[in-house]
Protein backbone atom coordinates (compact mmCIF):
# COMPACT_ATOMS: atom_id res chain seq x y z
CA MET A 1 33.16 36.49 -21.31
CA LYS A 2 35.93 35.26 -23.85
CA ALA A 3 37.01 32.56 -21.51
CA SER A 4 33.38 31.68 -20.92
CA ILE A 5 33.23 31.10 -24.62
CA PHE A 6 36.68 29.23 -25.24
CA THR A 7 35.18 27.30 -22.11
CA LEU A 8 32.09 26.34 -23.83
CA ILE A 9 33.89 25.55 -27.19
CA LEU A 10 35.94 22.99 -25.43
CA ILE A 11 33.47 21.48 -22.98
CA ILE A 12 30.18 21.23 -26.06
CA PRO A 13 32.12 18.71 -27.90
CA ALA A 14 32.65 16.61 -24.81
CA MET A 15 29.27 16.55 -24.30
CA LEU A 16 28.53 14.98 -27.98
CA VAL A 17 31.11 12.09 -27.19
CA LEU A 18 29.45 11.30 -23.57
CA GLY A 19 26.27 11.67 -25.19
CA GLN A 20 26.63 8.74 -26.76
CA ARG A 21 26.88 6.81 -23.77
CA PRO A 22 23.17 6.52 -21.79
CA GLN A 23 23.21 9.17 -19.03
CA PRO A 24 20.81 9.56 -15.70
CA GLN A 25 17.93 11.08 -16.40
CA ARG A 26 18.43 14.51 -15.07
CA CYS A 27 15.17 16.22 -13.67
CA ASP A 28 14.86 20.03 -13.25
CA VAL A 29 11.17 20.50 -14.42
CA PRO A 30 8.19 18.21 -13.20
CA LEU A 31 5.46 16.71 -15.79
CA PRO A 32 3.01 19.95 -16.77
CA ASP A 33 -0.30 19.38 -14.82
CA HIS A 34 -2.52 18.48 -16.99
CA ILE A 35 -0.39 15.90 -18.61
CA PHE A 36 0.04 14.69 -15.50
CA ARG A 37 -3.44 14.00 -14.63
CA GLN A 38 -3.80 12.13 -17.55
CA LYS A 39 -0.93 9.86 -16.87
CA GLN A 40 -2.60 9.42 -13.28
CA ARG A 41 -6.17 9.08 -14.36
CA SER A 42 -4.38 6.32 -16.38
CA VAL A 43 -3.29 4.81 -13.20
CA SER A 44 -6.39 4.81 -11.18
CA LEU A 45 -8.11 3.08 -13.85
CA GLN A 46 -6.28 -0.21 -13.53
CA PRO A 47 -8.20 -2.83 -12.72
CA THR A 48 -6.15 -4.48 -9.58
CA GLU A 49 -3.26 -3.23 -7.74
CA GLU A 50 -0.91 -5.21 -9.67
CA LEU A 51 -1.30 -3.47 -12.88
CA LYS A 52 -2.13 -0.34 -11.03
CA LEU A 53 1.93 -0.06 -9.44
CA LYS A 54 3.08 -1.62 -13.18
CA VAL A 55 1.82 1.95 -14.67
CA ALA A 56 2.73 4.22 -11.75
CA VAL A 57 6.08 2.35 -11.85
CA ALA A 58 6.81 3.19 -15.78
CA VAL A 59 5.19 6.92 -15.35
CA ALA A 60 8.07 7.66 -12.08
CA THR A 61 10.73 5.82 -14.45
CA GLY A 62 9.51 7.91 -17.47
CA ASN A 63 9.05 11.24 -16.57
CA CYS A 64 9.95 13.88 -14.06
CA LEU A 65 7.77 14.49 -11.45
CA SER A 66 7.22 16.93 -8.65
CA VAL A 67 6.64 15.54 -4.53
CA GLU A 68 3.14 16.68 -5.52
CA GLN A 69 2.74 14.50 -8.04
CA VAL A 70 4.34 11.36 -6.35
CA ARG A 71 2.32 11.40 -3.24
CA SER A 72 -1.17 12.04 -5.05
CA ILE A 73 -0.07 8.40 -6.99
CA ALA A 74 0.72 6.91 -3.94
CA GLU A 75 -2.03 7.63 -2.67
CA LEU A 76 -4.38 5.57 -5.46
CA PHE A 77 -2.85 2.03 -3.96
CA ILE A 78 -4.53 0.25 -0.85
CA ASP A 79 -1.47 -1.18 0.35
CA ASP A 80 1.78 0.39 1.54
CA PHE A 81 3.72 -2.37 0.15
CA SER A 82 2.85 -0.53 -3.22
CA ARG A 83 2.91 2.34 -2.53
CA LEU A 84 7.12 1.88 -1.30
CA ASN A 85 7.57 0.07 -4.45
CA PHE A 86 6.32 3.10 -6.27
CA ALA A 87 7.78 5.79 -4.23
CA GLN A 88 11.16 4.47 -4.41
CA ALA A 89 11.06 3.73 -8.26
CA ALA A 90 9.37 7.66 -8.00
CA TRP A 91 12.43 9.26 -6.16
CA HIS A 92 14.74 8.86 -8.98
CA ASN A 93 12.98 11.17 -11.39
CA THR A 94 11.97 13.21 -8.62
CA VAL A 95 12.67 17.11 -9.56
CA ASP A 96 12.76 18.56 -5.61
CA ARG A 97 13.77 15.43 -3.79
CA GLU A 98 14.28 17.86 -0.55
CA ASN A 99 10.44 17.48 0.16
CA PHE A 100 10.49 14.19 -0.84
CA TYR A 101 9.40 13.46 3.35
CA TYR A 102 6.08 14.96 2.45
CA VAL A 103 5.43 11.35 0.29
CA TYR A 104 5.61 9.95 3.59
CA ASP A 105 1.72 11.46 4.03
CA ALA A 106 0.94 9.06 2.08
CA PHE A 107 1.69 5.95 3.93
CA ALA A 108 -0.51 4.51 6.45
CA TYR A 109 2.14 2.33 8.67
CA PHE A 110 5.30 4.56 9.88
CA SER A 111 6.96 0.93 9.71
CA THR A 112 6.76 1.63 5.99
CA VAL A 113 7.68 5.07 6.17
CA PHE A 114 10.80 3.75 7.83
CA MET A 115 11.91 1.50 5.12
CA LEU A 116 11.45 4.45 2.52
CA HIS A 117 13.20 6.76 4.60
CA ASP A 118 16.16 4.19 4.88
CA TYR A 119 15.90 3.20 1.53
CA VAL A 120 16.15 7.28 0.22
CA LYS A 121 19.39 7.56 2.80
CA SER A 122 21.25 4.56 1.57
CA VAL A 123 20.35 5.56 -2.49
CA GLU A 124 21.47 9.82 -1.12
CA SER A 125 24.99 8.02 0.07
CA ARG A 126 25.53 6.17 -3.64
CA PRO A 127 27.56 8.10 -6.64
CA VAL A 128 25.17 10.91 -8.19
CA ASP A 129 25.30 8.80 -11.77
CA TYR A 130 23.53 6.15 -9.71
CA LEU A 131 20.60 4.74 -11.93
CA PRO A 132 17.72 2.88 -10.52
CA PRO A 133 17.88 -0.72 -11.22
CA TYR A 134 14.90 -1.94 -12.70
CA GLU A 135 15.41 -5.36 -11.22
CA PRO A 136 13.62 -8.92 -12.56
CA PRO A 137 11.55 -10.70 -9.87
CA LEU A 138 13.26 -12.47 -6.99
CA SER A 139 13.45 -15.83 -7.12
CA LEU A 140 11.73 -17.61 -4.53
CA ASN A 141 12.85 -20.95 -3.12
CA PHE A 142 10.59 -21.96 -0.39
CA PRO A 143 11.96 -25.00 1.97
CA ALA A 144 10.94 -28.43 0.84
CA LEU A 145 7.64 -28.73 3.08
CA GLU A 146 4.74 -30.77 3.02
CA TYR A 147 2.38 -27.96 1.75
CA PRO A 148 -1.73 -28.70 2.44
CA VAL A 149 -4.05 -27.60 -0.55
CA PHE A 150 -6.62 -25.43 0.33
CA GLU A 151 -8.72 -26.06 -2.33
CA ASN A 152 -9.83 -29.37 -1.14
CA TYR A 153 -10.20 -27.82 2.56
CA HIS A 154 -14.43 -28.11 3.56
CA GLY A 155 -13.98 -26.86 7.57
CA PRO A 156 -14.11 -23.95 9.16
CA SER A 157 -12.63 -20.77 7.62
CA ASN A 158 -11.39 -17.55 8.85
CA CYS A 159 -11.99 -15.60 5.94
CA ASN A 160 -13.48 -15.72 2.48
CA TYR A 161 -11.36 -16.84 0.13
CA PRO A 162 -7.18 -16.84 0.27
CA ILE A 163 -5.21 -14.14 -1.89
CA ARG A 164 -4.03 -14.77 -5.52
CA GLU A 165 -1.16 -16.49 -5.92
CA ASP A 166 0.29 -13.91 -8.28
CA ASP A 167 -0.12 -11.33 -5.06
CA PHE A 168 1.19 -13.76 -2.51
CA LEU A 169 4.63 -14.25 -4.68
CA ARG A 170 4.71 -10.49 -5.11
CA LEU A 171 4.40 -10.20 -1.44
CA ALA A 172 6.58 -12.47 -0.79
CA ALA A 173 8.89 -11.08 -2.55
CA GLN A 174 9.00 -7.65 -0.89
CA VAL A 175 9.27 -9.57 2.57
CA GLN A 176 12.58 -11.14 1.15
CA SER A 177 14.26 -8.20 -0.43
CA ASN A 178 14.58 -7.13 2.52
CA THR A 179 17.90 -8.19 4.36
CA SER A 180 16.84 -7.35 7.72
CA GLU A 181 15.14 -9.85 10.00
CA SER A 182 12.94 -7.14 11.82
CA ASN A 183 11.63 -5.19 9.00
CA ARG A 184 10.57 -9.01 7.52
CA ALA A 185 8.95 -9.41 10.83
CA LEU A 186 7.16 -6.11 10.54
CA LEU A 187 6.41 -6.64 6.87
CA LEU A 188 4.59 -10.00 7.57
CA SER A 189 3.24 -9.14 10.97
CA GLN A 190 1.27 -6.30 8.45
CA ILE A 191 0.72 -8.69 5.53
CA ALA A 192 -0.84 -10.83 7.94
CA GLN A 193 -3.04 -8.60 9.68
CA ASN A 194 -4.74 -7.59 6.18
CA ASN A 195 -4.72 -10.63 4.05
CA CYS A 196 -6.76 -13.94 3.93
CA LEU A 197 -3.90 -16.80 3.69
CA SER A 198 -4.33 -20.00 3.36
CA VAL A 199 -1.70 -22.11 5.38
CA SER A 200 0.87 -23.07 2.83
CA GLN A 201 1.12 -19.33 1.93
CA ALA A 202 1.06 -18.60 6.03
CA MET A 203 3.81 -21.56 5.88
CA LYS A 204 6.05 -20.06 3.04
CA LEU A 205 5.74 -16.23 4.47
CA SER A 206 6.95 -17.69 7.49
CA SER A 207 10.09 -19.49 6.38
CA LEU A 208 11.38 -15.79 5.02
CA LEU A 209 11.79 -15.65 9.20
CA GLN A 210 15.39 -17.04 10.23
CA SER A 211 14.18 -17.11 14.06
CA GLU A 212 11.47 -19.42 14.70
CA GLY A 213 10.53 -17.58 17.72
CA ASN A 214 10.05 -14.89 15.13
CA ARG A 215 7.86 -17.38 13.10
CA LEU A 216 5.76 -18.43 15.98
CA VAL A 217 4.66 -14.53 16.53
CA PHE A 218 3.66 -14.38 12.88
CA PHE A 219 1.44 -17.44 13.47
CA ARG A 220 -0.10 -16.10 16.19
CA ASN A 221 -0.51 -12.68 14.52
CA ALA A 222 -1.75 -14.31 11.41
CA ILE A 223 -3.86 -17.26 12.92
CA ASN A 224 -7.45 -14.77 12.94
CA THR A 225 -6.74 -14.63 9.14
CA ILE A 226 -6.27 -18.23 7.71
CA PHE A 227 -8.47 -19.51 5.58
CA ASP A 228 -7.82 -23.26 6.19
CA PRO A 229 -7.16 -23.43 10.38
CA GLY A 230 -8.13 -27.33 10.08
CA ASN A 231 -4.66 -27.64 7.94
CA LEU A 232 -2.68 -25.86 10.74
CA GLN A 233 -1.03 -28.74 12.30
CA TYR A 234 1.35 -28.37 8.41
CA GLY A 235 3.05 -25.49 10.11
CA ALA A 236 4.65 -27.21 12.86
CA GLN A 237 7.06 -28.43 10.31
CA LEU A 238 8.44 -24.70 10.48
CA PHE A 239 9.86 -25.45 14.41
CA ALA A 240 13.23 -27.71 14.38
CA HIS A 241 13.37 -27.06 18.38
CA ILE A 242 11.09 -28.88 20.76
CA PRO A 243 9.84 -25.79 22.63
CA ASN A 244 9.14 -23.93 19.57
CA LYS A 245 7.19 -26.72 18.12
CA ALA A 246 5.07 -27.57 21.56
CA ALA A 247 4.02 -23.64 21.63
CA TYR A 248 2.97 -23.52 17.96
CA ASN A 249 0.99 -26.47 18.82
CA GLU A 250 -0.40 -25.02 21.89
CA LEU A 251 -1.24 -22.05 20.02
CA ILE A 252 -2.92 -24.02 17.07
CA ASN A 253 -4.98 -26.14 19.69
CA GLN A 254 -6.85 -23.13 21.25
CA PRO A 255 -10.51 -23.39 20.41
CA LEU A 256 -11.58 -21.51 17.53
CA PRO A 257 -13.52 -18.61 17.64
CA ALA A 258 -16.77 -20.18 16.09
CA ASP A 259 -16.61 -22.43 19.04
CA ILE A 260 -16.23 -19.93 21.86
CA PRO A 261 -17.60 -16.40 20.41
CA VAL A 262 -15.27 -13.58 21.77
CA GLU A 263 -17.46 -10.05 22.44
CA GLN A 264 -15.19 -8.25 20.02
CA PRO A 265 -14.94 -4.03 20.57
CA PRO A 266 -17.00 -1.99 18.36
CA CYS A 267 -15.71 -0.22 15.80
CA PHE A 268 -17.18 3.05 15.63
CA VAL A 269 -15.99 6.87 15.90
CA PRO A 270 -17.07 8.64 18.47
CA ASP A 271 -19.37 11.45 17.85
CA GLU A 272 -17.11 14.16 19.73
CA GLU A 273 -13.48 12.59 17.85
CA PHE A 274 -15.67 13.43 14.42
CA ASN A 275 -16.43 16.76 15.45
CA GLN A 276 -12.62 17.32 16.24
CA ILE A 277 -12.11 15.59 12.71
CA MET A 278 -14.90 17.98 10.80
CA ALA A 279 -13.00 20.67 12.17
CA SER A 280 -9.64 19.79 11.03
CA ILE A 281 -10.53 19.36 7.42
CA ARG A 282 -12.89 22.07 7.72
CA LYS A 283 -9.96 25.01 8.61
CA GLU A 284 -7.93 23.65 5.37
CA SER A 285 -8.00 26.25 3.00
CA PHE A 286 -7.59 24.42 0.01
CA ASN A 287 -9.80 21.40 -2.01
CA SER A 288 -6.61 19.24 -2.72
CA THR A 289 -5.83 20.00 0.70
CA LYS A 290 -8.63 18.75 2.49
CA VAL A 291 -9.20 15.72 0.03
CA THR A 292 -5.57 14.30 1.10
CA LEU A 293 -6.41 15.06 4.75
CA ALA A 294 -9.69 13.73 4.75
CA LYS A 295 -8.15 10.02 3.10
CA GLN A 296 -5.66 9.92 5.53
CA ILE A 297 -8.07 10.40 8.37
CA LEU A 298 -10.26 7.79 6.57
CA ARG A 299 -7.21 5.19 6.54
CA SER A 300 -6.50 5.81 9.88
CA LYS A 301 -9.81 5.62 11.84
CA GLN A 302 -11.61 2.70 9.35
CA CYS A 303 -14.59 2.91 11.24
CA PHE A 304 -17.17 5.67 10.05
CA THR A 305 -20.69 5.33 9.99
CA THR A 306 -22.82 5.92 6.28
CA VAL A 307 -24.26 9.39 8.06
CA GLN A 308 -20.87 10.67 9.36
CA ILE A 309 -19.48 10.23 5.65
CA ARG A 310 -22.10 12.02 4.40
CA GLU A 311 -21.42 15.14 6.73
CA MET A 312 -17.65 14.71 5.73
CA LEU A 313 -18.78 14.91 2.14
CA LYS A 314 -20.16 18.17 2.35
CA LEU A 315 -17.18 20.08 3.75
CA PHE A 316 -16.13 19.16 -0.31
CA SER A 317 -17.46 22.25 -2.65
CA PHE A 318 -17.62 20.41 -5.66
CA ASP A 319 -19.45 17.12 -6.86
CA ASP A 320 -16.14 16.03 -8.62
CA SER A 321 -14.31 15.97 -5.03
CA ARG A 322 -17.52 14.14 -3.38
CA LEU A 323 -17.73 11.78 -5.61
CA GLU A 324 -13.82 10.42 -5.06
CA MET A 325 -14.26 10.62 -1.60
CA ALA A 326 -17.84 8.75 -1.25
CA LYS A 327 -15.59 6.17 -3.76
CA PHE A 328 -12.35 6.47 -1.20
CA ALA A 329 -14.43 6.33 1.64
CA TRP A 330 -16.71 3.31 0.79
CA GLU A 331 -13.85 0.78 2.11
CA PHE A 332 -14.58 2.51 5.47
CA THR A 333 -17.87 2.56 6.34
CA THR A 334 -19.27 0.21 8.57
CA ASP A 335 -22.51 0.25 7.18
CA ARG A 336 -22.52 -0.19 3.46
CA ASP A 337 -26.41 -1.14 2.55
CA ASN A 338 -26.98 2.73 3.57
CA TYR A 339 -24.18 3.76 1.48
CA TYR A 340 -27.04 4.75 -0.92
CA GLN A 341 -28.10 7.80 1.27
CA VAL A 342 -24.68 9.21 0.30
CA ALA A 343 -26.04 10.16 -3.18
CA ASP A 344 -28.02 13.32 -0.97
CA VAL A 345 -24.71 15.37 -0.70
CA PHE A 346 -24.26 16.10 -4.92
CA THR A 347 -25.91 18.29 -6.96
CA PHE A 348 -25.78 16.63 -10.06
CA SER A 349 -27.73 13.78 -10.77
CA SER A 350 -24.62 12.41 -12.95
CA SER A 351 -22.58 12.15 -10.17
CA LYS A 352 -24.99 10.41 -8.12
CA GLU A 353 -25.62 8.13 -10.84
CA GLU A 354 -21.61 6.84 -11.19
CA LEU A 355 -21.90 6.67 -7.50
CA MET A 356 -24.89 4.35 -8.04
CA LYS A 357 -22.98 2.49 -10.39
CA PHE A 358 -19.71 2.23 -8.39
CA LEU A 359 -21.75 0.70 -5.38
CA GLU A 360 -23.43 -1.98 -8.01
CA GLY A 361 -20.00 -3.10 -8.58
CA ARG A 362 -19.19 -3.94 -5.11
CA GLU A 363 -22.50 -5.70 -4.15
């Protein structure tokens, strides 16, 4: 006992000296639930994905969180890139890191999960006093090519309007921060499939790939989500080898879908599969688990009818959960004109009114 006291006497002055220098945050206890809910709400109320990410990262870097709290915030984002950035920032102040793999459930793509897993493993291999850097925005130096201006474009289009320039630069920075060519190609494939791009934006993203073959694959993935396909000839500047340039020109000279209608496969969840989904949600004991599982399924399938969403909402016991799910499910509903019918499942008129206000904001 005396030896222990003597040891403490020696240690305490040393700790006071060390305390004069900034030390890594040590997390033993997560935020109390009522405080976490306030911070979670502050993230969810942000009007844009970029602002959500900024607030979420501030919460993660300034507080100790549990894995469940990290996953709850990660599920507030629309795209996997924001989830990845947030999860990387949150890992350093997570109390129960040994369970961090539960956060992977919040992601829509396996490729992003692998990137997060690789990040966690790389950080774990560093010294224990590692502090997560707050990296400044990357300097993006795109090649000096002739880029078309989409604002002056009046030809046929594949989508409504290109993504905003700040969102584009954020996505480009995320791609550039990956040192692996294969990871860059995977990220760009997701960007091409999930965003409306101008030819100029597509050219700049493609330039982040070293391989001309990978650039050609990127354009194959992106060609149906290009805002100004009439400007695609500018993209030939990215190909120095004659066979690759020929393949690119052949790709962009194919008839547009507007000229040759192609019957798209119907987007729907068959009744048999929907019944299985309902059964899997129903068997969960806790309401929060039901919400998490339902969101994962909605993100995965993405093709539900209003009637199916209405039936799914009946599995939840309380109006607040039904309202949360109703707002979340709107994006994954194929017949949105009928979505007002979902209001029938609510017990309270205030919940119905809030859903109607939500729908009005999306018209």
